[in-house]
Amino acid sequence: MSKIAEGYKQTEVGVIPREWDLDEIQNLADITTGAKNTQDRILDGDYPFYVRSQTVERINSYSFDGEAILTAGDGVGTGKVFHYINGKFDFHQRVYKISNFSERLDGYFFYLYFSNNFYNRIMQMTAKSSVDSVRREMIAKMLIPLPPKAEQAAIATALNDADALITQLEKLIAKKRNIKQGAMQELLRPKEGWEVKSLGECLRQNPDYGINAAAVTFNESLPVYLRITDITEEGRYSKKNIVSVSNINSLSYYLEKGDLVFARTGASVGKTYLYNTNDGKLVFAGFLIRIKTNSEILNPVYFQYYTQTSSYWNWIRANSMRTGQPGINGNEYKELVLILPSIETQTRIAQILSDMDAEIEALEKKLEKYKMIKQGMMQNLLTRRVRLI
């Protein structure tokens, strides 16, 4: 058994500083449920309306005015949906409101601790692998560590400041994306002197289909199998749930620089991915179509940006729903009509948009770093590894 450090004590919630208290939520706040149903929501209503999801609806009534934490009482958000508010709002009959906090408890400190620990508590109280609903007792009898009020406030302030930085960066990323979207629509809009060509006229060879692997398994020495589900809405390789091809019939299935693949069937039909050599060796799957452009006619980077425009997606919708299962084959993709500037102009446009994407990607990486820092701060502060006072 490990020795408890001097100045700390062992409790039911773990080791905490000796001067911290421990108490049940029912002794520190009121716990109630709402009286409204989801259909009571009103578009553009005057007040926030909390239902059983992370989405905050609107309503023209309010049943509480003050500081509160809300959590879903049942549904898919059980133990995962939390809201902090200080103001007027209404809430669903299966949403729990925790409010009217004791003088011993800082509301935002409670929100941080509760939202990070409640799911584990309810999972410990059920024998199932998932929980369908929350009983009042699960909240009422949950133990909360209580630092001195000043330390609670310091923890809450530090984490709130981290949240503010994250929110500010998220807004900047959204603004940059909107600017890029506007620039893309303007730069790719056909202009006088541009030529009309079919996609088929712009290719070095006919589109080809990927390999339907006989078996797939994860092994770092094998090439990675790129599937429809691995392509994000932004046209990137997600690098999640990696599997590898254990049987390669031909080296021709490896993607090369400049190769672009289309999803050819299902709900993802039309999604594209332009191979990035930084993604490592990729072999593309059977439900993808690969094209290789003639670089003297069509810049592949320019073309992928075109596949993000409304013109492209209107064509996809019109051509993919002619049968029961959405799909477009390689010959049909060849018929896609493009209105193209010179290859030099395509290259300049592609560079402008690539630079914008690089800036957004750098901001996204910064955002992930901020989120990791905040998560580390939260773990350290709420598990007492770091003291602010």
Protein backbone atom coordinates (compact mmCIF):
# COMPACT_ATOMS: atom_id res chain seq x y z
CA MET A 1 0.00 0.00 0.00
CA SER A 2 1.48 3.35 -1.04
CA LYS A 3 2.20 5.89 1.67
CA ILE A 4 -0.04 8.96 1.80
CA ALA A 5 1.94 12.18 1.51
CA GLU A 6 2.14 14.47 4.49
CA GLY A 7 -0.74 16.94 4.56
CA TYR A 8 -3.11 14.60 2.70
CA LYS A 9 -5.75 12.05 3.75
CA GLN A 10 -7.45 9.03 2.20
CA THR A 11 -11.20 9.42 1.49
CA GLU A 12 -13.95 7.70 -0.47
CA VAL A 13 -13.11 9.87 -3.49
CA GLY A 14 -9.37 9.35 -3.20
CA VAL A 15 -6.52 11.19 -1.53
CA ILE A 16 -7.28 14.85 -0.83
CA PRO A 17 -5.54 17.63 1.12
CA ARG A 18 -6.15 17.33 4.86
CA GLU A 19 -7.99 20.68 5.10
CA TRP A 20 -10.47 19.79 2.33
CA ASP A 21 -13.94 18.58 3.40
CA LEU A 22 -16.15 15.97 1.78
CA ASP A 23 -19.95 16.07 1.50
CA GLU A 24 -22.91 14.80 -0.51
CA ILE A 25 -24.47 17.00 -3.18
CA GLN A 26 -27.86 16.88 -1.45
CA ASN A 27 -26.31 18.75 1.50
CA LEU A 28 -24.81 21.40 -0.75
CA ALA A 29 -27.50 22.22 -3.35
CA ASP A 30 -31.12 21.69 -4.44
CA ILE A 31 -31.87 19.00 -7.04
CA THR A 32 -35.04 19.24 -9.16
CA THR A 33 -36.36 18.35 -12.60
CA GLY A 34 -38.16 20.56 -15.10
CA ALA A 35 -41.79 20.63 -16.23
CA LYS A 36 -41.52 21.15 -19.98
CA ASN A 37 -41.51 18.80 -22.99
CA THR A 38 -39.34 19.05 -26.11
CA GLN A 39 -42.31 20.20 -28.20
CA ASP A 40 -42.58 23.32 -26.00
CA ARG A 41 -39.50 24.78 -27.69
CA ILE A 42 -39.95 27.93 -29.77
CA LEU A 43 -37.62 28.94 -32.58
CA ASP A 44 -35.89 32.22 -31.62
CA GLY A 45 -37.55 32.14 -28.19
CA ASP A 46 -36.52 34.63 -25.51
CA TYR A 47 -34.78 32.21 -23.12
CA PRO A 48 -32.52 29.13 -23.25
CA PHE A 49 -34.41 25.84 -23.04
CA TYR A 50 -32.37 22.86 -21.83
CA VAL A 51 -33.44 19.47 -23.17
CA ARG A 52 -31.68 16.09 -23.02
CA SER A 53 -28.99 16.89 -25.58
CA GLN A 54 -26.00 19.19 -25.88
CA THR A 55 -28.09 21.43 -28.17
CA VAL A 56 -29.69 24.31 -26.29
CA GLU A 57 -33.17 25.09 -27.64
CA ARG A 58 -35.15 28.33 -27.11
CA ILE A 59 -38.46 29.05 -25.33
CA ASN A 60 -40.53 32.06 -24.27
CA SER A 61 -40.86 31.04 -20.61
CA TYR A 62 -38.43 30.69 -17.74
CA SER A 63 -38.81 28.74 -14.52
CA PHE A 64 -35.51 29.67 -12.86
CA ASP A 65 -33.26 32.71 -12.71
CA GLY A 66 -29.81 32.12 -11.26
CA GLU A 67 -26.74 29.90 -11.25
CA ALA A 68 -27.37 26.26 -12.10
CA ILE A 69 -25.91 23.09 -13.59
CA LEU A 70 -28.12 20.89 -15.75
CA THR A 71 -27.70 17.29 -16.87
CA ALA A 72 -29.77 14.86 -18.94
CA GLY A 73 -31.92 12.46 -16.90
CA ASP A 74 -32.22 9.90 -19.69
CA GLY A 75 -31.55 9.34 -23.39
CA VAL A 76 -28.26 9.14 -25.28
CA GLY A 77 -26.88 12.10 -23.33
CA THR A 78 -27.19 10.37 -19.96
CA GLY A 79 -24.08 11.12 -17.93
CA LYS A 80 -22.51 13.00 -20.86
CA VAL A 81 -24.54 16.22 -21.28
CA PHE A 82 -23.83 19.08 -18.87
CA HIS A 83 -24.64 22.79 -18.96
CA TYR A 84 -23.60 25.69 -16.73
CA ILE A 85 -25.75 28.83 -16.72
CA ASN A 86 -26.26 31.89 -14.59
CA GLY A 87 -29.48 33.59 -15.71
CA LYS A 88 -33.07 32.92 -16.80
CA PHE A 89 -33.92 29.59 -18.44
CA ASP A 90 -36.40 26.72 -18.62
CA PHE A 91 -35.75 22.99 -18.73
CA HIS A 92 -37.17 19.61 -19.74
CA GLN A 93 -39.03 17.33 -17.32
CA ARG A 94 -36.25 14.75 -17.67
CA VAL A 95 -33.41 17.19 -17.10
CA TYR A 96 -31.97 17.61 -13.61
CA LYS A 97 -31.22 21.09 -12.31
CA ILE A 98 -28.70 21.51 -9.48
CA SER A 99 -28.85 25.00 -7.98
CA ASN A 100 -29.07 27.16 -4.86
CA PHE A 101 -25.55 26.24 -3.82
CA SER A 102 -24.43 26.28 -0.21
CA GLU A 103 -22.02 28.97 0.95
CA ARG A 104 -19.45 26.16 1.09
CA LEU A 105 -19.60 25.46 -2.65
CA ASP A 106 -18.57 27.54 -5.68
CA GLY A 107 -21.04 26.82 -8.51
CA TYR A 108 -18.52 26.73 -11.36
CA PHE A 109 -16.10 24.58 -9.33
CA PHE A 110 -18.98 22.15 -8.79
CA TYR A 111 -19.78 22.15 -12.52
CA LEU A 112 -16.17 21.24 -13.35
CA TYR A 113 -15.98 18.42 -10.81
CA PHE A 114 -19.46 17.05 -11.48
CA SER A 115 -19.18 17.05 -15.29
CA ASN A 116 -15.85 15.22 -15.10
CA ASN A 117 -16.87 12.57 -12.57
CA PHE A 118 -20.61 11.93 -12.77
CA TYR A 119 -20.50 9.49 -15.71
CA ASN A 120 -18.05 7.23 -13.88
CA ARG A 121 -20.30 7.30 -10.83
CA ILE A 122 -23.44 6.20 -12.66
CA MET A 123 -21.52 3.48 -14.49
CA GLN A 124 -20.37 2.14 -11.12
CA MET A 125 -23.99 2.06 -9.96
CA THR A 126 -25.29 -0.10 -12.82
CA ALA A 127 -24.40 -3.62 -13.89
CA LYS A 128 -24.99 -2.75 -17.55
CA SER A 129 -22.45 -1.49 -20.07
CA SER A 130 -24.57 1.63 -20.60
CA VAL A 131 -27.03 3.59 -18.51
CA ASP A 132 -30.56 4.46 -19.66
CA SER A 133 -31.57 6.93 -16.98
CA VAL A 134 -30.40 8.80 -13.91
CA ARG A 135 -32.09 8.29 -10.54
CA ARG A 136 -32.12 11.29 -8.20
CA GLU A 137 -30.13 9.31 -5.64
CA MET A 138 -27.23 9.03 -8.09
CA ILE A 139 -26.81 12.79 -7.89
CA ALA A 140 -27.97 13.40 -4.33
CA LYS A 141 -25.58 10.97 -2.65
CA MET A 142 -22.55 11.72 -4.84
CA LEU A 143 -19.62 12.90 -2.71
CA ILE A 144 -17.88 16.15 -3.62
CA PRO A 145 -14.45 17.19 -2.29
CA LEU A 146 -14.60 20.71 -0.88
CA PRO A 147 -11.45 22.83 -0.89
CA PRO A 148 -11.67 26.11 0.98
CA LYS A 149 -14.02 28.45 -0.91
CA ALA A 150 -11.14 30.69 -2.03
CA GLU A 151 -9.33 27.70 -3.54
CA GLN A 152 -12.51 26.55 -5.31
CA ALA A 153 -12.82 30.01 -6.85
CA ALA A 154 -9.14 29.99 -7.91
CA ILE A 155 -9.54 26.59 -9.60
CA ALA A 156 -12.73 27.73 -11.33
CA THR A 157 -11.10 30.95 -12.54
CA ALA A 158 -8.03 29.18 -13.93
CA LEU A 159 -10.11 26.66 -15.87
CA ASN A 160 -12.61 29.30 -16.98
CA ASP A 161 -9.71 31.34 -18.40
CA ALA A 162 -8.53 28.26 -20.29
CA ASP A 163 -12.06 27.79 -21.66
CA ALA A 164 -12.13 31.42 -22.79
CA LEU A 165 -8.89 30.93 -24.76
CA ILE A 166 -10.31 27.82 -26.40
CA THR A 167 -13.59 29.57 -27.28
CA GLN A 168 -11.70 32.54 -28.75
CA LEU A 169 -9.60 30.23 -30.91
CA GLU A 170 -12.67 28.26 -32.06
CA LYS A 171 -14.29 31.52 -33.18
CA LEU A 172 -11.14 32.52 -35.07
CA ILE A 173 -11.05 29.14 -36.85
CA ALA A 174 -14.72 29.48 -37.81
CA LYS A 175 -14.03 32.98 -39.18
CA LYS A 176 -11.03 31.74 -41.20
CA ARG A 177 -13.12 28.88 -42.62
CA ASN A 178 -15.83 31.31 -43.71
CA ILE A 179 -13.24 33.56 -45.36
CA LYS A 180 -11.74 30.58 -47.18
CA GLN A 181 -15.19 29.42 -48.30
CA GLY A 182 -15.95 32.86 -49.74
CA ALA A 183 -12.56 33.03 -51.46
CA MET A 184 -13.03 29.56 -52.91
CA GLN A 185 -16.45 30.37 -54.36
CA GLU A 186 -15.08 33.56 -55.98
CA LEU A 187 -11.80 32.11 -57.27
CA LEU A 188 -13.44 29.02 -58.77
CA ARG A 189 -16.38 30.88 -60.33
CA PRO A 190 -16.08 30.56 -64.14
CA LYS A 191 -14.84 33.70 -65.92
CA GLU A 192 -14.50 34.86 -69.48
CA GLY A 193 -11.90 32.90 -71.42
CA TRP A 194 -12.16 29.72 -69.34
CA GLU A 195 -12.53 26.49 -71.32
CA VAL A 196 -15.24 23.84 -71.05
CA LYS A 197 -13.91 20.28 -70.66
CA SER A 198 -15.18 16.99 -69.33
CA LEU A 199 -13.23 15.38 -66.50
CA GLY A 200 -12.46 12.48 -68.83
CA GLU A 201 -10.57 14.84 -71.15
CA CYS A 202 -8.37 15.91 -68.24
CA LEU A 203 -7.15 12.45 -67.17
CA ARG A 204 -3.95 10.53 -67.96
CA GLN A 205 -5.78 7.20 -67.79
CA ASN A 206 -9.21 5.80 -67.08
CA PRO A 207 -10.43 5.89 -63.48
CA ASP A 208 -9.66 2.68 -61.60
CA TYR A 209 -11.15 0.96 -58.58
CA GLY A 210 -9.48 0.00 -55.34
CA ILE A 211 -8.74 -3.42 -53.92
CA ASN A 212 -11.30 -5.43 -51.98
CA ALA A 213 -8.86 -6.91 -49.48
CA ALA A 214 -9.34 -10.59 -48.72
CA ALA A 215 -8.30 -9.88 -45.15
CA VAL A 216 -7.39 -6.78 -43.20
CA THR A 217 -5.47 -6.57 -39.97
CA PHE A 218 -3.44 -3.95 -38.15
CA ASN A 219 0.27 -4.40 -38.62
CA GLU A 220 2.76 -1.53 -38.79
CA SER A 221 4.78 -3.30 -41.48
CA LEU A 222 1.80 -3.49 -43.86
CA PRO A 223 0.33 -0.69 -45.99
CA VAL A 224 -2.72 1.10 -44.56
CA TYR A 225 -6.10 0.41 -46.14
CA LEU A 226 -7.91 3.66 -47.04
CA ARG A 227 -11.70 3.23 -46.85
CA ILE A 228 -14.63 5.58 -47.46
CA THR A 229 -15.09 5.94 -43.70
CA ASP A 230 -11.48 7.13 -43.33
CA ILE A 231 -12.13 10.27 -45.40
CA THR A 232 -13.33 13.31 -43.43
CA GLU A 233 -15.82 15.89 -44.66
CA GLU A 234 -12.83 18.22 -45.22
CA GLY A 235 -11.22 15.68 -47.56
CA ARG A 236 -8.51 14.50 -45.17
CA TYR A 237 -7.43 11.06 -44.02
CA SER A 238 -8.81 10.72 -40.49
CA LYS A 239 -6.16 8.22 -39.26
CA LYS A 240 -8.69 6.64 -36.89
CA ASN A 241 -9.46 2.92 -36.63
CA ILE A 242 -6.43 2.09 -38.76
CA VAL A 243 -6.40 -1.28 -40.52
CA SER A 244 -3.84 -2.67 -42.94
CA VAL A 245 -4.10 -4.79 -46.05
CA SER A 246 -2.66 -8.26 -45.47
CA ASN A 247 -2.92 -9.32 -49.11
CA ILE A 248 -1.75 -7.00 -51.91
CA ASN A 249 -2.22 -8.30 -55.45
CA SER A 250 -0.52 -5.43 -57.21
CA LEU A 251 1.59 -2.37 -56.43
CA SER A 252 -0.81 -0.43 -58.66
CA TYR A 253 -3.17 -0.04 -55.68
CA TYR A 254 -0.73 2.20 -53.84
CA LEU A 255 -1.68 5.88 -53.97
CA GLU A 256 0.88 8.26 -55.44
CA LYS A 257 1.37 12.02 -55.23
CA GLY A 258 -1.37 13.77 -57.20
CA ASP A 259 -3.80 10.82 -56.98
CA LEU A 260 -7.34 11.78 -56.02
CA VAL A 261 -9.98 9.28 -54.91
CA PHE A 262 -13.78 9.59 -54.95
CA ALA A 263 -16.26 7.73 -52.78
CA ARG A 264 -18.43 5.99 -55.35
CA THR A 265 -21.34 4.58 -53.34
CA GLY A 266 -23.46 4.98 -50.24
CA ALA A 267 -24.14 8.05 -48.13
CA SER A 268 -20.57 9.29 -48.64
CA VAL A 269 -20.74 9.28 -52.44
CA GLY A 270 -18.84 12.26 -53.87
CA LYS A 271 -16.43 12.74 -50.96
CA THR A 272 -12.84 13.15 -52.17
CA TYR A 273 -9.33 12.73 -50.82
CA LEU A 274 -6.14 14.00 -52.46
CA TYR A 275 -3.24 11.79 -51.43
CA ASN A 276 -0.85 13.45 -49.02
CA THR A 277 2.55 11.76 -48.85
CA ASN A 278 2.71 12.69 -45.15
CA ASP A 279 -0.10 10.17 -44.57
CA GLY A 280 2.27 7.28 -45.30
CA LYS A 281 1.72 4.35 -47.66
CA LEU A 282 -1.97 3.97 -48.50
CA VAL A 283 -3.81 1.36 -50.52
CA PHE A 284 -7.30 2.44 -51.58
CA ALA A 285 -10.40 0.34 -51.02
CA GLY A 286 -12.86 -1.09 -53.51
CA PHE A 287 -15.60 1.46 -52.89
CA LEU A 288 -13.24 4.26 -53.97
CA ILE A 289 -12.38 5.41 -57.49
CA ARG A 290 -8.93 6.82 -58.25
CA ILE A 291 -8.16 9.38 -60.92
CA LYS A 292 -4.82 10.64 -62.20
CA THR A 293 -5.08 14.06 -63.85
CA ASN A 294 -3.10 15.26 -66.85
CA SER A 295 -1.02 17.92 -65.10
CA GLU A 296 -0.86 19.99 -68.28
CA ILE A 297 -4.65 20.40 -68.25
CA LEU A 298 -5.89 19.94 -64.68
CA ASN A 299 -4.08 20.69 -61.41
CA PRO A 300 -5.20 17.98 -58.92
CA VAL A 301 -5.12 20.41 -55.96
CA TYR A 302 -7.27 22.88 -57.88
CA PHE A 303 -9.67 20.07 -58.77
CA GLN A 304 -10.06 18.91 -55.18
CA TYR A 305 -11.00 22.44 -54.17
CA TYR A 306 -13.58 22.37 -56.96
CA THR A 307 -15.08 19.24 -55.36
CA GLN A 308 -15.88 21.34 -52.30
CA THR A 309 -18.11 23.77 -54.23
CA SER A 310 -21.91 23.80 -54.52
CA SER A 311 -21.63 23.26 -58.30
CA TYR A 312 -19.86 19.94 -57.75
CA TRP A 313 -22.30 18.76 -55.07
CA ASN A 314 -25.31 19.70 -57.15
CA TRP A 315 -23.91 17.44 -59.88
CA ILE A 316 -23.31 14.64 -57.35
CA ARG A 317 -26.89 14.80 -56.06
CA ALA A 318 -28.34 14.86 -59.58
CA ASN A 319 -26.27 11.91 -60.79
CA SER A 320 -26.07 9.63 -57.75
CA MET A 321 -29.78 9.05 -57.08
CA ARG A 322 -30.81 7.43 -60.34
CA THR A 323 -31.01 4.02 -58.66
CA GLY A 324 -32.04 2.88 -55.19
CA GLN A 325 -28.50 2.89 -53.78
CA PRO A 326 -26.65 6.22 -54.20
CA GLY A 327 -23.64 5.74 -56.47
CA ILE A 328 -21.56 7.05 -59.37
CA ASN A 329 -19.17 4.86 -61.35
CA GLY A 330 -15.91 5.78 -63.01
CA ASN A 331 -17.38 6.34 -66.48
CA GLU A 332 -20.02 8.64 -65.02
CA TYR A 333 -17.37 10.68 -63.19
CA LYS A 334 -15.61 11.15 -66.53
CA GLU A 335 -18.71 13.01 -67.78
CA LEU A 336 -18.42 15.71 -65.09
CA VAL A 337 -18.27 19.06 -66.93
CA LEU A 338 -15.57 21.51 -65.80
CA ILE A 339 -15.02 25.14 -66.81
CA LEU A 340 -11.28 25.63 -66.40
CA PRO A 341 -8.82 28.53 -66.45
CA SER A 342 -5.29 28.03 -67.76
CA ILE A 343 -3.10 25.59 -65.86
CA GLU A 344 -1.03 28.54 -64.58
CA THR A 345 -4.14 30.19 -63.11
CA GLN A 346 -5.26 26.88 -61.62
CA THR A 347 -1.89 26.56 -59.89
CA ARG A 348 -2.08 30.10 -58.47
CA ILE A 349 -5.62 29.53 -57.19
CA ALA A 350 -4.62 26.18 -55.68
CA GLN A 351 -1.69 27.85 -53.87
CA ILE A 352 -3.87 30.63 -52.43
CA LEU A 353 -6.41 28.16 -51.08
CA SER A 354 -3.69 25.77 -49.86
CA ASP A 355 -2.09 28.61 -47.89
CA MET A 356 -5.47 29.36 -46.29
CA ASP A 357 -5.91 25.69 -45.40
CA ALA A 358 -2.40 25.57 -43.91
CA GLU A 359 -3.24 28.52 -41.68
CA ILE A 360 -6.49 26.88 -40.56
CA GLU A 361 -4.74 23.55 -39.93
CA ALA A 362 -2.09 25.30 -37.80
CA LEU A 363 -4.85 26.94 -35.76
CA GLU A 364 -6.61 23.57 -35.37
CA LYS A 365 -3.42 22.01 -34.04
CA LYS A 366 -3.05 24.93 -31.65
CA LEU A 367 -6.65 24.38 -30.52
CA GLU A 368 -5.99 20.70 -29.83
CA LYS A 369 -2.91 21.67 -27.83
CA TYR A 370 -4.96 24.16 -25.79
CA LYS A 371 -7.59 21.49 -25.12
CA MET A 372 -4.92 19.04 -23.97
CA ILE A 373 -3.39 21.67 -21.69
CA LYS A 374 -6.82 22.44 -20.22
CA GLN A 375 -7.49 18.73 -19.70
CA GLY A 376 -4.15 18.38 -17.92
CA MET A 377 -4.92 21.42 -15.76
CA MET A 378 -8.30 19.97 -14.89
CA GLN A 379 -6.85 16.62 -13.91
CA ASN A 380 -4.16 18.22 -11.79
CA LEU A 381 -6.42 20.75 -10.08
CA LEU A 382 -9.46 18.54 -9.51
CA THR A 383 -7.39 15.56 -8.35
CA ARG A 384 -5.35 17.74 -6.01
CA ARG A 385 -1.99 17.11 -7.66
CA VAL A 386 -1.50 20.88 -8.05
CA ARG A 387 -2.60 23.46 -5.50
CA LEU A 388 -3.31 27.09 -6.39
CA ILE A 389 -3.52 28.26 -2.79
